[in-house]
Amino acid sequence: MFKTLLEQWKANQEQKRAIAAERWEQEKHWREEDRQENRAREAAERERNEEETARSEETYRTIYRAHLRVMRKAVTISYVSLTCHEDTWTFLARRAFGTWSPEWLTSVSESELPSPSKPAGFTKDPNLTPGRITKQDNGMQTIEVSGDNLVTILERLWEGAYSRNPYKALTDLDPNRSACGPLHTRISDWLEDLEPGTASKPGHALVLDERTEGAAD
């Protein structure tokens, strides 16, 4: 009787060990399948990220090549009679030259003319002498901008809209920064369609505010 019970107990223990071993093998198999699935998922995710990064880089290079093409066109221009609202020009001038006040008719106001103890404060002097800014009664104004200044304006608009420099992005607190992209596109499209000037008519005219009656490029 005792021997029979002992044999039965041993058989039960052996069966439990066999079941435990089978369960362990099954769990190892499942874990290996999970690892393979995770590796496949991670590989697919890396591939998607690499593809997205490659597409993003190619898009950026394409946009930047177009920007450089426009810059090469801008640098050949003698001047542009730029018509826009004074708020738009103030925004452009502050980004391009570092400082500007809406009431100014020259590069610096008479009350803030530079002196040895009081510099003008421009990061780049636009050199807008008397006669190059004509104000109108409706808040619009026309500014004769040199090709050199136009290049600076485009470069600052590009930085505001597309720069990948995180320091510039974090320190750019201009609430109207979102206007950089549309303005850059507006000027770029105009430049790409621009016909070369002549010796008798070296300048060009650009109207930024489409609401202006009779506006034409």
Protein backbone atom coordinates (compact mmCIF):
# COMPACT_ATOMS: atom_id res chain seq x y z
CA MET A 1 0.00 0.00 0.00
CA PHE A 2 2.71 2.45 0.99
CA LYS A 3 4.80 1.46 -2.02
CA THR A 4 1.85 2.06 -4.30
CA LEU A 5 1.24 5.50 -2.81
CA LEU A 6 4.96 6.34 -3.14
CA GLU A 7 5.01 5.34 -6.77
CA GLN A 8 1.86 7.36 -7.43
CA TRP A 9 3.38 10.40 -5.69
CA LYS A 10 6.56 10.06 -7.77
CA ALA A 11 4.48 9.76 -10.91
CA ASN A 12 2.53 12.89 -9.97
CA GLN A 13 5.74 14.80 -9.29
CA GLU A 14 7.21 13.67 -12.60
CA GLN A 15 4.05 14.75 -14.36
CA LYS A 16 4.17 18.16 -12.64
CA ARG A 17 7.82 18.59 -13.66
CA ALA A 18 6.96 17.64 -17.23
CA ILE A 19 4.06 20.09 -17.29
CA ALA A 20 6.26 22.82 -15.77
CA ALA A 21 9.03 22.12 -18.30
CA GLU A 22 6.54 22.20 -21.16
CA ARG A 23 5.05 25.43 -19.86
CA TRP A 24 8.55 26.93 -19.52
CA GLU A 25 9.42 25.97 -23.09
CA GLN A 26 6.14 27.45 -24.29
CA GLU A 27 6.78 30.69 -22.38
CA LYS A 28 10.31 30.89 -23.84
CA HIS A 29 8.82 30.41 -27.28
CA TRP A 30 6.25 33.12 -26.65
CA ARG A 31 8.90 35.51 -25.29
CA GLU A 32 11.08 34.88 -28.32
CA GLU A 33 8.12 35.58 -30.60
CA ASP A 34 7.45 38.79 -28.67
CA ARG A 35 11.11 39.82 -29.01
CA GLN A 36 11.02 39.12 -32.73
CA GLU A 37 7.81 41.11 -33.10
CA ASN A 38 9.31 43.99 -31.09
CA ARG A 39 12.49 43.93 -33.18
CA ALA A 40 10.45 43.89 -36.40
CA ARG A 41 8.26 46.73 -35.12
CA GLU A 42 11.30 48.78 -34.04
CA ALA A 43 13.01 48.13 -37.39
CA ALA A 44 9.88 49.23 -39.25
CA GLU A 45 9.62 52.34 -37.04
CA ARG A 46 13.30 53.19 -37.68
CA GLU A 47 12.76 52.73 -41.41
CA ARG A 48 9.70 55.02 -41.33
CA ASN A 49 11.61 57.64 -39.33
CA GLU A 50 14.55 57.46 -41.72
CA GLU A 51 12.22 57.82 -44.70
CA GLU A 52 10.45 60.77 -43.10
CA THR A 53 13.78 62.39 -42.23
CA ALA A 54 15.03 61.85 -45.78
CA ARG A 55 11.84 63.37 -47.22
CA SER A 56 12.08 66.29 -44.80
CA GLU A 57 15.73 66.89 -45.69
CA GLU A 58 14.99 66.73 -49.40
CA THR A 59 12.07 69.12 -49.01
CA TYR A 60 14.25 71.53 -47.04
CA ARG A 61 17.04 71.32 -49.62
CA THR A 62 14.54 71.96 -52.42
CA ILE A 63 13.11 74.98 -50.60
CA TYR A 64 16.58 76.30 -49.79
CA ARG A 65 17.73 75.90 -53.39
CA ALA A 66 14.70 77.92 -54.47
CA HIS A 67 15.57 80.53 -51.82
CA LEU A 68 19.15 80.80 -53.10
CA ARG A 69 17.88 81.14 -56.67
CA VAL A 70 15.65 84.01 -55.58
CA MET A 71 18.52 85.62 -53.66
CA ARG A 72 20.69 85.53 -56.78
CA LYS A 73 17.88 87.27 -58.65
CA ALA A 74 17.44 89.87 -55.90
CA VAL A 75 21.10 90.84 -55.81
CA THR A 76 21.01 91.90 -59.48
CA ILE A 77 18.22 94.46 -58.90
CA SER A 78 19.07 98.14 -58.64
CA TYR A 79 16.04 99.08 -56.57
CA VAL A 80 12.40 98.17 -55.92
CA SER A 81 9.59 100.63 -55.27
CA LEU A 82 7.93 98.65 -52.51
CA THR A 83 4.34 99.67 -51.70
CA CYS A 84 2.77 98.31 -48.52
CA HIS A 85 1.07 99.37 -45.32
CA GLU A 86 3.35 101.18 -42.89
CA ASP A 87 2.83 98.38 -40.36
CA THR A 88 4.11 95.85 -42.89
CA TRP A 89 7.16 97.96 -43.64
CA THR A 90 7.83 98.46 -39.92
CA PHE A 91 7.75 94.68 -39.47
CA LEU A 92 10.09 94.12 -42.43
CA ALA A 93 12.50 96.89 -41.42
CA ARG A 94 12.76 95.78 -37.80
CA ARG A 95 13.53 92.21 -38.82
CA ALA A 96 16.01 93.22 -41.52
CA PHE A 97 17.70 96.25 -39.94
CA GLY A 98 17.08 95.85 -36.21
CA THR A 99 15.10 99.02 -35.55
CA TRP A 100 12.42 101.19 -37.12
CA SER A 101 9.59 103.50 -36.13
CA PRO A 102 6.43 103.83 -38.28
CA GLU A 103 6.69 107.64 -38.45
CA TRP A 104 10.21 107.66 -39.86
CA LEU A 105 10.81 108.99 -43.38
CA THR A 106 14.54 108.24 -43.34
CA SER A 107 16.77 105.61 -41.76
CA VAL A 108 16.63 107.46 -38.43
CA SER A 109 14.18 109.99 -37.10
CA GLU A 110 15.37 113.56 -36.60
CA SER A 111 14.98 113.21 -32.85
CA GLU A 112 17.16 110.12 -32.83
CA LEU A 113 19.97 111.01 -35.21
CA PRO A 114 23.12 109.10 -34.28
CA SER A 115 25.90 110.81 -32.39
CA PRO A 116 29.20 109.63 -30.85
CA SER A 117 27.30 108.82 -27.65
CA LYS A 118 24.08 107.66 -29.28
CA PRO A 119 24.42 105.26 -32.23
CA ALA A 120 21.49 104.64 -34.55
CA GLY A 121 21.21 101.02 -33.41
CA PHE A 122 20.78 99.39 -36.82
CA THR A 123 22.16 95.90 -37.28
CA LYS A 124 22.47 97.00 -40.92
CA ASP A 125 21.80 100.59 -41.96
CA PRO A 126 19.18 100.56 -44.75
CA ASN A 127 20.45 103.99 -45.89
CA LEU A 128 16.96 105.23 -46.68
CA THR A 129 17.71 108.88 -47.37
CA PRO A 130 15.06 111.65 -47.67
CA GLY A 131 12.82 111.12 -50.68
CA ARG A 132 13.01 107.33 -50.69
CA ILE A 133 9.90 106.92 -48.52
CA THR A 134 6.58 108.39 -49.65
CA LYS A 135 3.68 108.17 -47.21
CA GLN A 136 0.05 108.16 -48.31
CA ASP A 137 -3.07 109.25 -46.44
CA ASN A 138 -4.51 105.72 -46.13
CA GLY A 139 -1.58 104.35 -44.12
CA MET A 140 0.12 102.97 -47.22
CA GLN A 141 3.61 104.01 -48.19
CA THR A 142 6.14 103.41 -50.95
CA ILE A 143 9.77 102.74 -50.13
CA GLU A 144 12.60 102.64 -52.65
CA VAL A 145 14.53 99.60 -51.46
CA SER A 146 17.93 98.79 -52.94
CA GLY A 147 18.71 95.30 -54.18
CA ASP A 148 21.18 94.93 -51.32
CA ASN A 149 18.45 95.77 -48.80
CA LEU A 150 16.05 93.40 -50.54
CA VAL A 151 18.56 90.59 -50.09
CA THR A 152 18.78 91.38 -46.38
CA ILE A 153 14.99 91.46 -46.03
CA LEU A 154 14.64 88.10 -47.78
CA GLU A 155 17.35 86.53 -45.64
CA ARG A 156 15.72 87.68 -42.40
CA LEU A 157 12.29 86.52 -43.58
CA TRP A 158 13.79 83.13 -44.48
CA GLU A 159 15.33 82.82 -41.03
CA GLY A 160 12.04 83.73 -39.36
CA ALA A 161 10.05 81.21 -41.40
CA TYR A 162 12.40 78.28 -42.00
CA SER A 163 15.50 78.56 -39.81
CA ARG A 164 16.54 75.36 -38.05
CA ASN A 165 18.64 77.23 -35.54
CA PRO A 166 16.98 76.43 -32.17
CA TYR A 167 18.62 79.44 -30.48
CA LYS A 168 17.08 81.84 -32.99
CA ALA A 169 13.71 80.11 -32.69
CA LEU A 170 13.74 80.40 -28.88
CA THR A 171 14.91 84.02 -28.82
CA ASP A 172 12.58 85.25 -31.57
CA LEU A 173 9.73 86.70 -29.52
CA ASP A 174 8.10 88.68 -32.33
CA PRO A 175 4.33 87.99 -32.10
CA ASN A 176 4.04 88.61 -35.86
CA ARG A 177 6.73 86.08 -36.75
CA SER A 178 4.19 83.94 -38.63
CA ALA A 179 4.08 86.67 -41.31
CA CYS A 180 7.65 85.83 -42.37
CA GLY A 181 6.66 82.82 -44.49
CA PRO A 182 3.86 84.46 -46.49
CA LEU A 183 5.90 87.63 -47.07
CA HIS A 184 8.95 85.63 -48.16
CA THR A 185 6.76 83.63 -50.56
CA ARG A 186 5.12 86.79 -51.93
CA ILE A 187 8.44 88.48 -52.67
CA SER A 188 10.04 85.26 -53.97
CA ASP A 189 7.20 84.54 -56.39
CA TRP A 190 7.38 88.10 -57.66
CA LEU A 191 11.15 87.87 -58.18
CA GLU A 192 10.96 84.56 -60.03
CA ASP A 193 8.50 86.05 -62.53
CA LEU A 194 10.39 89.33 -62.84
CA GLU A 195 11.68 90.38 -66.25
CA PRO A 196 15.16 91.98 -66.41
CA GLY A 197 15.26 95.77 -66.21
CA THR A 198 16.89 98.13 -68.68
CA ALA A 199 19.31 101.04 -68.46
CA SER A 200 16.44 103.46 -69.04
CA LYS A 201 14.23 101.72 -66.47
CA PRO A 202 16.51 100.09 -63.90
CA GLY A 203 13.97 99.76 -61.09
CA HIS A 204 10.91 97.64 -60.45
CA ALA A 205 7.68 98.01 -58.47
CA LEU A 206 6.17 95.55 -56.01
CA VAL A 207 2.85 95.98 -54.18
CA LEU A 208 2.68 93.76 -51.10
CA ASP A 209 -0.82 94.77 -49.95
CA GLU A 210 -3.25 93.18 -52.43
CA ARG A 211 -6.10 95.27 -51.03
CA THR A 212 -4.61 98.38 -52.63
CA GLU A 213 -6.87 99.60 -55.42
CA GLY A 214 -5.33 98.93 -58.79
CA ALA A 215 -2.42 97.00 -57.26
CA ALA A 216 -0.12 95.54 -59.84
CA ASP A 217 3.38 94.04 -59.79
